[in-house]
């Protein structure tokens, strides 16, 4: 029922000793494209680690599913049965602390298992739990900031285009009123209406400047048709109308294009090739000396990263996280250390972490 409503992309069954026959039965019933299991009949401890990648946002993360007969972490997570001793969960506590994991909040009953008995033999335990690291928490916080800013914008400014039309109508009414009765009171009312109209004109300019992604912008530019065409043109260029597969067949349906694109790059980057000698790089000219190369490879300090961030165009189009350079400049005291850690990590491992 839940899968039919929410269309989950990933489902995990935390139940031991489910072989592939049962897994595929669940897969067909849930209409999922793929299923796997890590069943070890000779061991009660099971672990399945998956490397998941979002198809559209290209974010990669790991999910580890563990089935282990571990006694509960806290006494309040168990009712009935033998008492919980510290030695029973020390290893599990150490693992969570070492990996810097934190629990995810839940709704409903804290217990996920019942022994099926009543009275004094009844036992309730919390066996299943989800633990996440700080990276996932940071991504979720960014999403919440984006949602909060969107809600704040709607409450504070509303629909700026509708408000602009309303302010223009009010201004014309006040102009007519001042023409009929040109006194000081009506002039003050007209000036206030004009100020409100100009204020929302400024909001509209900022909106189209960010939407079009243009650094240059003339103050007072009212040609919104131009910016509509810029935004629509960019969307059209980013949209694939059709692609040709390896057999020379043109694919036009969106789902077929997605499947063929993923298949193409997976085969391109996973196929095995014989080692080939490439003598050409040895003949490339040396454009920098050893000292300059050392400077380029030096791990940047906080001030250097800050200078780069504050040179960003704050009004440019936002990135995949929905945040512009203005956000990072305004909130540097909060996010500066995290950005520095991200940049320094890239210089050390040569892999840029992705945040949503």
Protein backbone atom coordinates (compact mmCIF):
# COMPACT_ATOMS: atom_id res chain seq x y z
CA UNK A 1 0.00 0.00 0.00
CA UNK A 2 2.72 2.51 0.95
CA UNK A 3 4.74 1.67 -2.17
CA UNK A 4 1.69 2.20 -4.40
CA UNK A 5 1.19 5.65 -2.91
CA UNK A 6 4.77 6.92 -2.63
CA UNK A 7 6.53 4.94 -5.42
CA UNK A 8 9.71 4.23 -3.44
CA UNK A 9 12.97 3.98 -5.38
CA UNK A 10 14.62 1.77 -2.76
CA UNK A 11 13.14 -0.76 -0.31
CA UNK A 12 15.10 -2.79 2.28
CA UNK A 13 13.74 -5.88 4.03
CA UNK A 14 15.52 -6.34 7.35
CA UNK A 15 14.72 -10.00 7.80
CA UNK A 16 17.27 -12.85 7.97
CA UNK A 17 17.46 -15.98 5.86
CA UNK A 18 15.55 -14.75 2.83
CA UNK A 19 17.00 -16.47 -0.21
CA UNK A 20 16.81 -15.20 -3.77
CA UNK A 21 13.58 -17.06 -4.52
CA UNK A 22 11.73 -15.13 -1.84
CA UNK A 23 13.46 -11.85 -2.70
CA UNK A 24 12.38 -12.10 -6.34
CA UNK A 25 8.84 -12.90 -5.24
CA UNK A 26 8.78 -9.68 -3.22
CA UNK A 27 10.37 -7.82 -6.13
CA UNK A 28 7.66 -8.92 -8.57
CA UNK A 29 4.92 -8.11 -6.10
CA UNK A 30 6.36 -4.62 -5.49
CA UNK A 31 7.12 -4.14 -9.23
CA UNK A 32 10.74 -3.26 -8.57
CA UNK A 33 13.32 -3.64 -11.39
CA UNK A 34 16.09 -5.25 -9.31
CA UNK A 35 16.59 -7.14 -6.05
CA UNK A 36 19.53 -8.66 -4.20
CA UNK A 37 20.14 -10.42 -0.90
CA UNK A 38 23.07 -11.29 1.30
CA UNK A 39 21.94 -14.53 2.87
CA UNK A 40 24.42 -16.58 4.88
CA UNK A 41 22.74 -19.60 6.40
CA UNK A 42 25.77 -20.35 8.54
CA UNK A 43 25.82 -16.92 10.23
CA UNK A 44 23.24 -14.83 12.06
CA UNK A 45 25.13 -11.60 11.28
CA UNK A 46 24.41 -10.19 7.83
CA UNK A 47 25.60 -7.04 6.12
CA UNK A 48 24.69 -5.56 2.76
CA UNK A 49 26.43 -2.39 1.54
CA UNK A 50 24.99 -0.56 -1.46
CA UNK A 51 26.44 2.33 -3.44
CA UNK A 52 23.43 4.33 -4.61
CA UNK A 53 23.42 7.13 -7.15
CA UNK A 54 20.60 9.54 -7.93
CA UNK A 55 19.95 9.40 -11.68
CA UNK A 56 19.04 13.08 -12.14
CA UNK A 57 21.01 14.87 -9.40
CA UNK A 58 24.06 12.57 -9.67
CA UNK A 59 24.52 12.32 -5.91
CA UNK A 60 26.32 9.20 -4.67
CA UNK A 61 26.00 7.77 -1.18
CA UNK A 62 26.43 4.45 0.62
CA UNK A 63 23.75 2.52 2.49
CA UNK A 64 24.78 -0.33 4.80
CA UNK A 65 22.07 -2.69 6.00
CA UNK A 66 23.09 -4.84 8.95
CA UNK A 67 21.19 -7.65 10.60
CA UNK A 68 22.88 -8.42 13.90
CA UNK A 69 21.51 -9.96 17.06
CA UNK A 70 22.57 -7.02 19.21
CA UNK A 71 21.04 -6.29 22.59
CA UNK A 72 19.45 -2.87 22.84
CA UNK A 73 21.42 0.27 23.50
CA UNK A 74 19.19 1.62 26.26
CA UNK A 75 17.00 -0.01 28.85
CA UNK A 76 14.01 2.12 27.83
CA UNK A 77 14.12 0.38 24.43
CA UNK A 78 13.15 -2.94 25.98
CA UNK A 79 10.26 -4.13 28.14
CA UNK A 80 10.35 -7.57 29.75
CA UNK A 81 12.87 -10.37 29.47
CA UNK A 82 16.39 -10.37 30.86
CA UNK A 83 17.93 -7.06 31.92
CA UNK A 84 20.28 -5.22 29.56
CA UNK A 85 23.96 -5.32 30.54
CA UNK A 86 26.60 -2.85 29.34
CA UNK A 87 28.79 -5.62 27.96
CA UNK A 88 25.98 -6.67 25.62
CA UNK A 89 26.09 -3.47 23.57
CA UNK A 90 29.59 -2.04 24.10
CA UNK A 91 30.79 -3.14 20.64
CA UNK A 92 27.73 -1.68 18.96
CA UNK A 93 28.10 1.59 20.86
CA UNK A 94 31.78 1.77 19.88
CA UNK A 95 30.92 1.23 16.20
CA UNK A 96 28.33 4.02 16.23
CA UNK A 97 30.70 6.41 18.00
CA UNK A 98 33.63 5.59 15.70
CA UNK A 99 31.56 6.11 12.54
CA UNK A 100 30.08 9.31 14.02
CA UNK A 101 26.52 8.15 13.43
CA UNK A 102 23.36 9.63 14.89
CA UNK A 103 19.85 8.24 15.08
CA UNK A 104 16.94 9.33 12.90
CA UNK A 105 13.78 10.50 14.62
CA UNK A 106 10.75 8.24 14.28
CA UNK A 107 7.00 8.39 14.81
CA UNK A 108 4.84 5.93 16.69
CA UNK A 109 5.90 3.18 19.05
CA UNK A 110 9.62 2.89 19.88
CA UNK A 111 9.41 -0.91 19.71
CA UNK A 112 9.81 -2.84 16.45
CA UNK A 113 9.68 -6.45 17.74
CA UNK A 114 7.33 -8.47 19.95
CA UNK A 115 7.80 -12.09 20.96
CA UNK A 116 4.11 -12.83 20.44
CA UNK A 117 3.38 -13.63 24.08
CA UNK A 118 1.30 -11.93 26.76
CA UNK A 119 1.51 -11.34 30.47
CA UNK A 120 4.83 -11.78 32.26
CA UNK A 121 6.33 -13.54 29.21
CA UNK A 122 5.70 -10.53 26.94
CA UNK A 123 8.83 -8.84 25.54
CA UNK A 124 8.94 -5.64 23.50
CA UNK A 125 12.25 -4.55 21.96
CA UNK A 126 13.55 -1.93 19.58
CA UNK A 127 15.70 -3.89 17.14
CA UNK A 128 15.45 -1.91 13.90
CA UNK A 129 17.00 1.54 13.66
CA UNK A 130 18.37 3.93 11.05
CA UNK A 131 21.65 5.73 11.72
CA UNK A 132 23.08 8.49 9.54
CA UNK A 133 26.36 10.40 9.41
CA UNK A 134 26.98 14.14 9.48
CA UNK A 135 27.15 14.41 5.69
CA UNK A 136 23.54 13.27 5.29
CA UNK A 137 22.52 15.57 8.14
CA UNK A 138 24.22 18.51 6.41
CA UNK A 139 22.38 17.78 3.15
CA UNK A 140 19.06 17.58 4.95
CA UNK A 141 19.77 20.88 6.72
CA UNK A 142 20.48 22.52 3.35
CA UNK A 143 17.16 21.21 2.04
CA UNK A 144 15.37 22.58 5.09
CA UNK A 145 17.04 25.97 4.65
CA UNK A 146 15.88 26.05 1.03
CA UNK A 147 12.32 25.10 2.04
CA UNK A 148 12.30 27.69 4.83
CA UNK A 149 13.56 30.42 2.48
CA UNK A 150 10.89 29.53 -0.09
CA UNK A 151 8.17 29.67 2.57
CA UNK A 152 9.56 32.95 3.93
CA UNK A 153 9.61 34.48 0.44
CA UNK A 154 5.98 33.53 -0.20
CA UNK A 155 4.85 34.91 3.16
CA UNK A 156 6.91 38.11 2.93
CA UNK A 157 6.55 39.01 -0.75
CA UNK A 158 3.87 36.70 -2.12
CA UNK A 159 3.52 36.39 -5.88
CA UNK A 160 5.66 39.34 -7.02
CA UNK A 161 4.08 39.45 -10.48
CA UNK A 162 0.56 39.56 -9.10
CA UNK A 163 1.62 42.09 -6.46
CA UNK A 164 3.21 44.22 -9.19
CA UNK A 165 -0.07 44.38 -11.13
CA UNK A 166 -1.97 45.26 -7.96
CA UNK A 167 0.52 48.00 -7.03
CA UNK A 168 0.33 49.45 -10.54
CA UNK A 169 -3.49 49.61 -10.40
CA UNK A 170 -3.33 51.27 -6.97
CA UNK A 171 -0.82 53.82 -8.25
CA UNK A 172 -3.07 54.73 -11.22
CA UNK A 173 -6.04 55.18 -8.89
CA UNK A 174 -4.00 57.47 -6.62
CA UNK A 175 -2.81 59.43 -9.67
CA UNK A 176 -6.42 60.02 -10.74
CA UNK A 177 -7.34 61.01 -7.20
CA UNK A 178 -4.48 63.54 -7.05
CA UNK A 179 -5.47 64.98 -10.44
CA UNK A 180 -9.02 65.52 -9.21
CA UNK A 181 -8.02 66.90 -5.80
CA UNK A 182 -4.35 68.08 -5.87
CA UNK A 183 -3.80 68.62 -2.15
CA UNK A 184 -0.91 67.63 0.14
CA UNK A 185 -2.66 64.55 1.52
CA UNK A 186 -3.36 63.07 -1.93
CA UNK A 187 0.19 63.85 -3.06
CA UNK A 188 1.63 61.96 -0.07
CA UNK A 189 -0.66 59.02 -0.80
CA UNK A 190 0.43 59.03 -4.46
CA UNK A 191 4.12 59.13 -3.54
CA UNK A 192 3.64 56.17 -1.19
CA UNK A 193 1.88 54.19 -3.94
CA UNK A 194 4.68 55.01 -6.41
CA UNK A 195 7.30 53.89 -3.89
CA UNK A 196 5.52 50.55 -3.41
CA UNK A 197 5.28 50.09 -7.18
CA UNK A 198 9.01 50.80 -7.65
CA UNK A 199 9.79 48.41 -4.79
CA UNK A 200 8.08 45.50 -6.54
CA UNK A 201 9.63 46.53 -9.85
CA UNK A 202 12.99 46.06 -8.15
CA UNK A 203 11.93 42.60 -6.93
CA UNK A 204 10.96 41.67 -10.49
CA UNK A 205 14.34 42.83 -11.81
CA UNK A 206 16.17 40.72 -9.23
CA UNK A 207 14.01 37.70 -10.09
CA UNK A 208 14.71 37.85 -13.82
CA UNK A 209 18.36 38.61 -13.27
CA UNK A 210 18.75 35.44 -11.20
CA UNK A 211 16.48 33.39 -13.45
CA UNK A 212 18.27 34.35 -16.67
CA UNK A 213 21.71 33.94 -15.07
CA UNK A 214 23.06 37.15 -16.64
CA UNK A 215 25.70 39.12 -14.76
CA UNK A 216 24.96 42.31 -16.71
CA UNK A 217 21.63 43.96 -16.12
CA UNK A 218 20.45 47.52 -16.75
CA UNK A 219 18.57 49.09 -13.86
CA UNK A 220 14.97 49.72 -14.80
CA UNK A 221 14.98 47.18 -17.62
CA UNK A 222 11.36 46.28 -18.21
CA UNK A 223 11.71 43.97 -21.21
CA UNK A 224 10.52 40.82 -19.44
CA UNK A 225 9.83 39.14 -22.80
CA UNK A 226 13.59 39.08 -23.39
CA UNK A 227 14.25 37.33 -20.08
CA UNK A 228 11.40 34.88 -20.72
CA UNK A 229 13.07 33.94 -24.01
CA UNK A 230 16.48 33.58 -22.32
CA UNK A 231 15.10 31.22 -19.66
CA UNK A 232 13.04 29.19 -22.15
CA UNK A 233 15.97 29.03 -24.56
CA UNK A 234 18.25 27.65 -21.86
CA UNK A 235 15.68 25.04 -20.88
CA UNK A 236 15.27 24.04 -24.52
CA UNK A 237 19.04 23.66 -24.99
CA UNK A 238 19.30 21.52 -21.86
CA UNK A 239 16.48 19.22 -22.98
CA UNK A 240 17.32 16.28 -25.24
CA UNK A 241 14.75 15.82 -28.00
CA UNK A 242 16.18 12.51 -29.22
CA UNK A 243 19.35 10.40 -29.20
CA UNK A 244 20.72 7.60 -31.37
CA UNK A 245 21.65 4.26 -29.79
CA UNK A 246 24.47 1.91 -30.77
CA UNK A 247 22.29 0.21 -33.36
CA UNK A 248 21.58 3.51 -35.12
CA UNK A 249 17.97 3.72 -33.93
CA UNK A 250 16.68 7.14 -32.90
CA UNK A 251 15.00 7.23 -29.48
CA UNK A 252 12.52 10.02 -28.73
CA UNK A 253 10.66 8.83 -25.63
CA UNK A 254 12.04 10.29 -22.40
CA UNK A 255 12.20 6.95 -20.56
CA UNK A 256 14.04 5.28 -23.47
CA UNK A 257 16.53 8.18 -23.61
CA UNK A 258 17.25 7.86 -19.87
CA UNK A 259 17.79 4.09 -20.06
CA UNK A 260 20.05 4.33 -23.13
CA UNK A 261 22.12 7.16 -21.61
CA UNK A 262 22.75 5.26 -18.38
CA UNK A 263 23.57 2.06 -20.28
CA UNK A 264 25.99 3.90 -22.59
CA UNK A 265 28.06 5.48 -19.82
CA UNK A 266 28.03 2.37 -17.64
CA UNK A 267 29.46 0.30 -20.49
CA UNK A 268 31.91 3.03 -21.45
CA UNK A 269 33.44 3.36 -17.98
CA UNK A 270 33.29 -0.29 -16.91
CA UNK A 271 34.51 -2.21 -19.96
CA UNK A 272 37.98 -3.70 -19.71
CA UNK A 273 40.67 -2.64 -22.16
CA UNK A 274 44.22 -3.77 -22.73
CA UNK A 275 46.90 -1.44 -21.44
CA UNK A 276 48.13 0.86 -24.19
CA UNK A 277 51.30 2.90 -24.27
CA UNK A 278 50.60 6.58 -24.88
CA UNK A 279 53.90 8.30 -25.73
CA UNK A 280 52.20 11.59 -26.56
CA UNK A 281 52.06 12.99 -22.96
CA UNK A 282 55.85 12.73 -22.76
CA UNK A 283 56.09 15.29 -25.56
CA UNK A 284 53.74 17.83 -23.96
CA UNK A 285 55.49 21.15 -23.30
CA UNK A 286 56.18 22.12 -19.67
CA UNK A 287 54.29 25.36 -19.07
CA UNK A 288 55.00 25.78 -15.35
CA UNK A 289 58.06 25.13 -13.23
CA UNK A 290 58.30 23.04 -10.07
CA UNK A 291 57.80 26.05 -7.77
CA UNK A 292 54.63 27.15 -9.56
CA UNK A 293 53.32 23.59 -9.49
CA UNK A 294 53.97 23.42 -5.74
CA UNK A 295 51.97 26.63 -5.24
CA UNK A 296 49.06 25.29 -7.30
CA UNK A 297 49.01 22.02 -5.35
CA UNK A 298 49.28 23.68 -1.93
CA UNK A 299 46.28 23.10 0.32
CA UNK A 300 44.46 26.46 0.53
CA UNK A 301 43.93 28.26 3.83
CA UNK A 302 40.71 29.77 5.16
CA UNK A 303 41.44 33.32 3.97
CA UNK A 304 42.19 32.16 0.43
CA UNK A 305 38.93 30.21 0.17
CA UNK A 306 37.01 33.13 1.67
CA UNK A 307 38.44 35.55 -0.92
CA UNK A 308 37.31 33.26 -3.74
CA UNK A 309 33.80 32.88 -2.29
CA UNK A 310 33.39 36.64 -1.85
CA UNK A 311 34.45 37.22 -5.47
CA UNK A 312 31.50 35.12 -6.68
CA UNK A 313 28.67 36.96 -8.36
CA UNK A 314 26.01 36.88 -5.68
CA UNK A 315 23.21 37.39 -8.21
CA UNK A 316 24.19 34.56 -10.56
CA UNK A 317 21.86 31.63 -11.10
CA UNK A 318 21.77 29.17 -8.22
CA UNK A 319 23.55 25.83 -8.26
CA UNK A 320 22.02 22.35 -7.89
CA UNK A 321 21.38 23.05 -4.19
CA UNK A 322 19.22 26.08 -5.08
CA UNK A 323 21.56 28.52 -3.32
CA UNK A 324 23.36 31.44 -4.95
CA UNK A 325 26.76 32.89 -4.12
CA UNK A 326 24.97 35.52 -2.02
CA UNK A 327 23.91 32.83 0.44
CA UNK A 328 27.47 31.63 1.05
CA UNK A 329 28.71 35.21 1.36
CA UNK A 330 25.99 36.23 3.83
CA UNK A 331 26.28 33.03 5.90
CA UNK A 332 30.06 32.69 5.74
CA UNK A 333 30.37 32.78 9.55
CA UNK A 334 28.15 29.68 9.67
CA UNK A 335 29.23 27.63 6.63
CA UNK A 336 32.79 28.91 6.14
CA UNK A 337 34.50 26.11 8.09
CA UNK A 338 32.49 23.45 6.21
CA UNK A 339 33.38 24.97 2.83
CA UNK A 340 37.05 25.09 3.82
CA UNK A 341 36.92 21.40 4.85
CA UNK A 342 35.27 20.54 1.52
CA UNK A 343 37.96 22.34 -0.51
CA UNK A 344 40.84 20.92 1.52
CA UNK A 345 39.37 17.43 1.22
CA UNK A 346 39.32 17.85 -2.58
CA UNK A 347 43.01 18.79 -2.62
CA UNK A 348 43.85 15.71 -0.55
CA UNK A 349 41.67 13.00 -2.15
CA UNK A 350 41.09 14.66 -5.57
CA UNK A 351 37.36 13.94 -5.37
CA UNK A 352 34.81 16.70 -4.94
CA UNK A 353 32.02 15.73 -2.58
CA UNK A 354 28.50 16.56 -3.77
CA UNK A 355 25.98 18.27 -1.50
CA UNK A 356 22.31 18.83 -2.20
